[in-house]
Amino acid sequence: MRTVSPTRLSIGNDVTIVQAQSSRFRQALKWFIGAIVTVCETAVRYQYDAP
């Protein structure tokens, strides 16, 4: 039992670290997609507004 619990603990820590990284990555991805959409909308508006 003494050898099993530390490995379980380290696996649990790894999982939480991976989850934190993935949530941070999702936030960055959302921001990145939002920036691309904003740039595309601005480009389309500029094309329509151009004479």
N, C-alpha and C. Protein backbone atom coordinates (compact mmCIF):
# COMPACT_ATOMS: atom_id res chain seq x y z
N MET A 1 0.85 -1.21 0.00
CA MET A 1 0.00 0.00 0.00
C MET A 1 0.88 1.26 0.00
N ARG A 2 2.03 1.19 0.70
CA ARG A 2 2.88 2.39 0.77
C ARG A 2 3.44 2.75 -0.61
N THR A 3 3.68 1.74 -1.44
CA THR A 3 4.23 2.04 -2.77
C THR A 3 3.14 2.50 -3.73
N VAL A 4 1.89 2.11 -3.47
CA VAL A 4 0.80 2.46 -4.40
C VAL A 4 0.34 3.90 -4.21
N SER A 5 0.22 4.35 -2.97
CA SER A 5 -0.35 5.69 -2.74
C SER A 5 0.51 6.82 -3.32
N PRO A 6 1.84 6.81 -3.22
CA PRO A 6 2.60 7.92 -3.81
C PRO A 6 2.42 7.99 -5.33
N THR A 7 2.36 6.85 -6.00
CA THR A 7 2.17 6.88 -7.45
C THR A 7 0.80 7.43 -7.78
N ARG A 8 -0.21 7.04 -7.02
CA ARG A 8 -1.55 7.59 -7.27
C ARG A 8 -1.54 9.10 -7.06
N LEU A 9 -0.85 9.55 -6.02
CA LEU A 9 -0.78 10.98 -5.73
C LEU A 9 -0.11 11.72 -6.88
N SER A 10 1.02 11.17 -7.38
CA SER A 10 1.73 11.85 -8.47
C SER A 10 0.86 11.85 -9.73
N ILE A 11 0.14 10.76 -10.00
CA ILE A 11 -0.73 10.72 -11.18
C ILE A 11 -1.83 11.77 -11.03
N GLY A 12 -2.39 11.89 -9.82
CA GLY A 12 -3.42 12.90 -9.60
C GLY A 12 -2.88 14.30 -9.82
N ASN A 13 -1.67 14.57 -9.35
CA ASN A 13 -1.07 15.88 -9.56
C ASN A 13 -0.84 16.14 -11.04
N ASP A 14 -0.37 15.12 -11.76
CA ASP A 14 -0.15 15.28 -13.20
C ASP A 14 -1.47 15.61 -13.89
N VAL A 15 -2.54 14.94 -13.50
CA VAL A 15 -3.84 15.17 -14.14
C VAL A 15 -4.30 16.60 -13.90
N THR A 16 -4.16 17.08 -12.66
CA THR A 16 -4.60 18.45 -12.37
C THR A 16 -3.75 19.45 -13.14
N ILE A 17 -2.45 19.18 -13.25
CA ILE A 17 -1.57 20.10 -13.99
C ILE A 17 -1.99 20.11 -15.46
N VAL A 18 -2.26 18.95 -16.02
CA VAL A 18 -2.68 18.87 -17.43
C VAL A 18 -4.01 19.59 -17.62
N GLN A 19 -4.93 19.42 -16.67
CA GLN A 19 -6.23 20.10 -16.79
C GLN A 19 -6.04 21.61 -16.75
N ALA A 20 -5.19 22.09 -15.86
CA ALA A 20 -4.94 23.54 -15.77
C ALA A 20 -4.33 24.05 -17.07
N GLN A 21 -3.37 23.29 -17.62
CA GLN A 21 -2.75 23.71 -18.87
C GLN A 21 -3.77 23.71 -20.00
N SER A 22 -4.65 22.70 -20.05
CA SER A 22 -5.63 22.63 -21.13
C SER A 22 -6.63 23.78 -21.03
N SER A 23 -7.04 24.14 -19.82
CA SER A 23 -7.99 25.26 -19.68
C SER A 23 -7.32 26.56 -20.10
N ARG A 24 -6.05 26.73 -19.74
CA ARG A 24 -5.33 27.93 -20.14
C ARG A 24 -5.18 27.93 -21.66
N PHE A 25 -4.92 26.75 -22.23
CA PHE A 25 -4.78 26.64 -23.69
C PHE A 25 -6.11 26.97 -24.36
N ARG A 26 -7.22 26.51 -23.77
CA ARG A 26 -8.54 26.82 -24.34
C ARG A 26 -8.79 28.33 -24.33
N GLN A 27 -8.43 28.99 -23.24
CA GLN A 27 -8.61 30.45 -23.18
C GLN A 27 -7.79 31.14 -24.26
N ALA A 28 -6.55 30.69 -24.43
CA ALA A 28 -5.70 31.30 -25.46
C ALA A 28 -6.28 31.03 -26.85
N LEU A 29 -6.80 29.82 -27.05
CA LEU A 29 -7.38 29.47 -28.35
C LEU A 29 -8.62 30.32 -28.62
N LYS A 30 -9.47 30.49 -27.60
CA LYS A 30 -10.66 31.34 -27.76
C LYS A 30 -10.27 32.76 -28.14
N TRP A 31 -9.26 33.31 -27.43
CA TRP A 31 -8.80 34.67 -27.72
C TRP A 31 -8.25 34.76 -29.13
N PHE A 32 -7.47 33.72 -29.53
CA PHE A 32 -6.86 33.70 -30.86
C PHE A 32 -7.94 33.67 -31.94
N ILE A 33 -8.94 32.80 -31.78
CA ILE A 33 -10.03 32.71 -32.77
C ILE A 33 -10.80 34.02 -32.81
N GLY A 34 -11.04 34.61 -31.64
CA GLY A 34 -11.75 35.89 -31.60
C GLY A 34 -10.97 36.97 -32.34
N ALA A 35 -9.65 36.97 -32.19
CA ALA A 35 -8.83 37.97 -32.88
C ALA A 35 -8.91 37.76 -34.39
N ILE A 36 -8.85 36.50 -34.83
CA ILE A 36 -8.93 36.22 -36.27
C ILE A 36 -10.28 36.66 -36.82
N VAL A 37 -11.36 36.35 -36.09
CA VAL A 37 -12.69 36.75 -36.55
C VAL A 37 -12.79 38.27 -36.64
N THR A 38 -12.24 38.96 -35.65
CA THR A 38 -12.28 40.43 -35.66
C THR A 38 -11.52 40.98 -36.86
N VAL A 39 -10.35 40.41 -37.13
CA VAL A 39 -9.56 40.86 -38.29
C VAL A 39 -10.33 40.61 -39.58
N CYS A 40 -10.95 39.44 -39.70
CA CYS A 40 -11.72 39.12 -40.92
C CYS A 40 -12.89 40.10 -41.07
N GLU A 41 -13.61 40.35 -39.99
CA GLU A 41 -14.75 41.28 -40.07
C GLU A 41 -14.27 42.67 -40.47
N THR A 42 -13.16 43.10 -39.89
CA THR A 42 -12.62 44.43 -40.23
C THR A 42 -12.22 44.48 -41.70
N ALA A 43 -11.60 43.42 -42.20
CA ALA A 43 -11.19 43.38 -43.60
C ALA A 43 -12.41 43.42 -44.52
N VAL A 44 -13.45 42.67 -44.17
CA VAL A 44 -14.66 42.64 -45.01
C VAL A 44 -15.32 44.02 -45.00
N ARG A 45 -15.41 44.64 -43.83
CA ARG A 45 -16.02 45.97 -43.73
C ARG A 45 -15.21 46.96 -44.55
N TYR A 46 -13.90 46.85 -44.47
CA TYR A 46 -13.04 47.79 -45.20
C TYR A 46 -13.25 47.61 -46.70
N GLN A 47 -13.39 46.36 -47.16
CA GLN A 47 -13.62 46.11 -48.59
C GLN A 47 -14.97 46.69 -49.02
N TYR A 48 -16.00 46.52 -48.16
CA TYR A 48 -17.33 47.04 -48.52
C TYR A 48 -17.35 48.57 -48.47
N ASP A 49 -16.63 49.14 -47.50
CA ASP A 49 -16.62 50.60 -47.37
C ASP A 49 -15.76 51.26 -48.44
N ALA A 50 -14.78 50.52 -48.98
CA ALA A 50 -13.90 51.12 -50.00
C ALA A 50 -14.72 51.41 -51.26
N PRO A 51 -14.46 52.50 -51.90
CA PRO A 51 -15.22 52.88 -53.10
C PRO A 51 -14.86 51.99 -54.29
